[in-house]
Amino acid sequence: MQTKSTLAFADYSGLIRRMGKDTRLLSTHISLSSALFVCWQKNDFISPFPVTRKQLMAFSRIASAATYHKCIKELDEYGYIRYQPSFNPKMGSLVYWPKVAGDFVFRDKVTQS
């Protein structure tokens, strides 16, 4: 019987393999993805999960806010995550972790309000 964490690590493994083949990505993208995975894990693998820039920059060791914003925006654009910024310093932004199947990522369907 597969547990939620076993499935999550299998998804993460597939995601990292896909990212390794993507020539658009740099080490900062991979580092940020790892930080996002840690946050998802701390949230019991529930998507969406809240994140803060401060938290992700510390986990990923990204020192520049500009680099962080560029990387998280590109991870969203390239389909690795779905990022929903809050623009509120007291509320965390939301990240939707993708469901991975083979080399394809299926995004969560979100209703826009």
Protein backbone atom coordinates (compact mmCIF):
# COMPACT_ATOMS: atom_id res chain seq x y z
CA MET A 1 0.00 0.00 0.00
CA GLN A 2 1.40 3.36 -1.00
CA THR A 3 1.25 6.20 1.47
CA LYS A 4 0.68 9.84 0.65
CA SER A 5 4.36 10.61 1.26
CA THR A 6 5.53 7.72 -0.96
CA LEU A 7 3.40 9.02 -3.82
CA ALA A 8 4.60 12.57 -3.20
CA PHE A 9 8.26 11.53 -3.39
CA ALA A 10 7.55 9.60 -6.59
CA ASP A 11 5.94 12.73 -8.04
CA TYR A 12 8.90 14.81 -6.93
CA SER A 13 11.32 12.35 -8.49
CA GLY A 14 9.47 12.60 -11.81
CA LEU A 15 9.42 16.37 -11.57
CA ILE A 16 13.18 16.54 -10.95
CA ARG A 17 13.82 14.24 -13.94
CA ARG A 18 11.69 16.51 -16.12
CA MET A 19 13.45 19.61 -14.81
CA GLY A 20 16.84 18.06 -15.53
CA LYS A 21 15.95 17.85 -19.20
CA ASP A 22 14.66 21.44 -19.39
CA THR A 23 17.44 23.69 -20.71
CA ARG A 24 15.58 26.85 -19.63
CA LEU A 25 16.16 26.09 -15.95
CA LEU A 26 19.13 27.09 -13.82
CA SER A 27 20.29 25.82 -10.45
CA THR A 28 18.25 28.54 -8.75
CA HIS A 29 15.05 27.06 -10.24
CA ILE A 30 15.95 23.60 -8.92
CA SER A 31 16.84 25.02 -5.51
CA LEU A 32 13.55 26.91 -5.33
CA SER A 33 11.66 23.77 -6.36
CA SER A 34 13.34 21.87 -3.55
CA ALA A 35 12.32 24.60 -1.09
CA LEU A 36 8.75 24.41 -2.40
CA PHE A 37 8.76 20.64 -1.93
CA VAL A 38 9.84 21.07 1.70
CA CYS A 39 6.99 23.53 2.28
CA TRP A 40 4.53 21.15 0.60
CA GLN A 41 5.80 18.32 2.80
CA LYS A 42 5.41 20.47 5.94
CA ASN A 43 1.82 21.12 4.85
CA ASP A 44 1.16 17.35 4.77
CA PHE A 45 1.29 17.24 0.95
CA ILE A 46 -1.90 19.28 0.60
CA SER A 47 -2.18 21.54 -2.43
CA PRO A 48 -2.47 24.53 -2.39
CA PHE A 49 -0.13 25.39 0.46
CA PRO A 50 0.91 28.79 1.82
CA VAL A 51 4.45 30.12 1.37
CA THR A 52 6.30 33.33 2.10
CA ARG A 53 9.13 34.84 0.13
CA LYS A 54 11.30 35.02 3.24
CA GLN A 55 10.80 31.33 3.96
CA LEU A 56 11.48 30.19 0.39
CA MET A 57 14.51 32.43 -0.02
CA ALA A 58 16.00 31.00 3.19
CA PHE A 59 15.32 27.36 2.23
CA SER A 60 16.61 27.79 -1.34
CA ARG A 61 19.56 30.01 -0.39
CA ILE A 62 18.52 32.61 -2.96
CA ALA A 63 19.88 35.95 -1.72
CA SER A 64 18.26 38.33 -4.20
CA ALA A 65 14.54 39.15 -4.16
CA ALA A 66 14.75 39.86 -7.90
CA THR A 67 16.17 36.37 -8.57
CA TYR A 68 13.50 34.80 -6.37
CA HIS A 69 10.65 36.60 -8.17
CA LYS A 70 12.11 35.74 -11.59
CA CYS A 71 12.47 32.05 -10.70
CA ILE A 72 9.05 31.59 -9.10
CA LYS A 73 7.41 33.40 -12.01
CA GLU A 74 9.23 31.19 -14.52
CA LEU A 75 8.39 27.98 -12.63
CA ASP A 76 4.75 29.05 -12.89
CA GLU A 77 5.03 30.01 -16.59
CA TYR A 78 6.78 26.74 -17.47
CA GLY A 79 4.08 24.67 -15.75
CA TYR A 80 6.09 23.30 -12.84
CA ILE A 81 3.86 24.94 -10.22
CA ARG A 82 0.89 27.24 -10.08
CA TYR A 83 1.76 30.34 -8.08
CA GLN A 84 -0.91 32.64 -6.71
CA PRO A 85 0.71 35.69 -5.06
CA SER A 86 -1.22 37.33 -2.23
CA PHE A 87 0.41 40.80 -2.32
CA ASN A 88 -0.40 40.94 1.39
CA PRO A 89 2.62 40.83 3.73
CA LYS A 90 0.59 39.14 6.48
CA MET A 91 -0.85 36.42 4.26
CA GLY A 92 1.28 33.87 2.49
CA SER A 93 1.02 33.31 -1.23
CA LEU A 94 -0.44 30.02 -2.42
CA VAL A 95 1.38 27.39 -4.43
CA TYR A 96 -0.38 24.53 -6.16
CA TRP A 97 1.89 21.52 -6.50
CA PRO A 98 1.48 19.72 -9.84
CA LYS A 99 0.31 16.18 -10.23
CA VAL A 100 3.04 14.44 -12.23
CA ALA A 101 2.45 11.51 -14.56
CA GLY A 102 5.42 10.49 -16.67
CA ASP A 103 6.79 13.59 -18.37
CA PHE A 104 3.53 15.51 -18.27
CA VAL A 105 2.33 17.85 -15.55
CA PHE A 106 -1.36 18.23 -14.92
CA ARG A 107 -2.28 21.46 -13.18
CA ASP A 108 -5.00 21.68 -10.57
CA LYS A 109 -8.11 23.34 -11.92
CA VAL A 110 -8.74 26.54 -10.01
CA THR A 111 -11.79 28.71 -10.22
CA GLN A 112 -11.00 32.33 -10.74
CA SER A 113 -13.06 34.71 -8.65
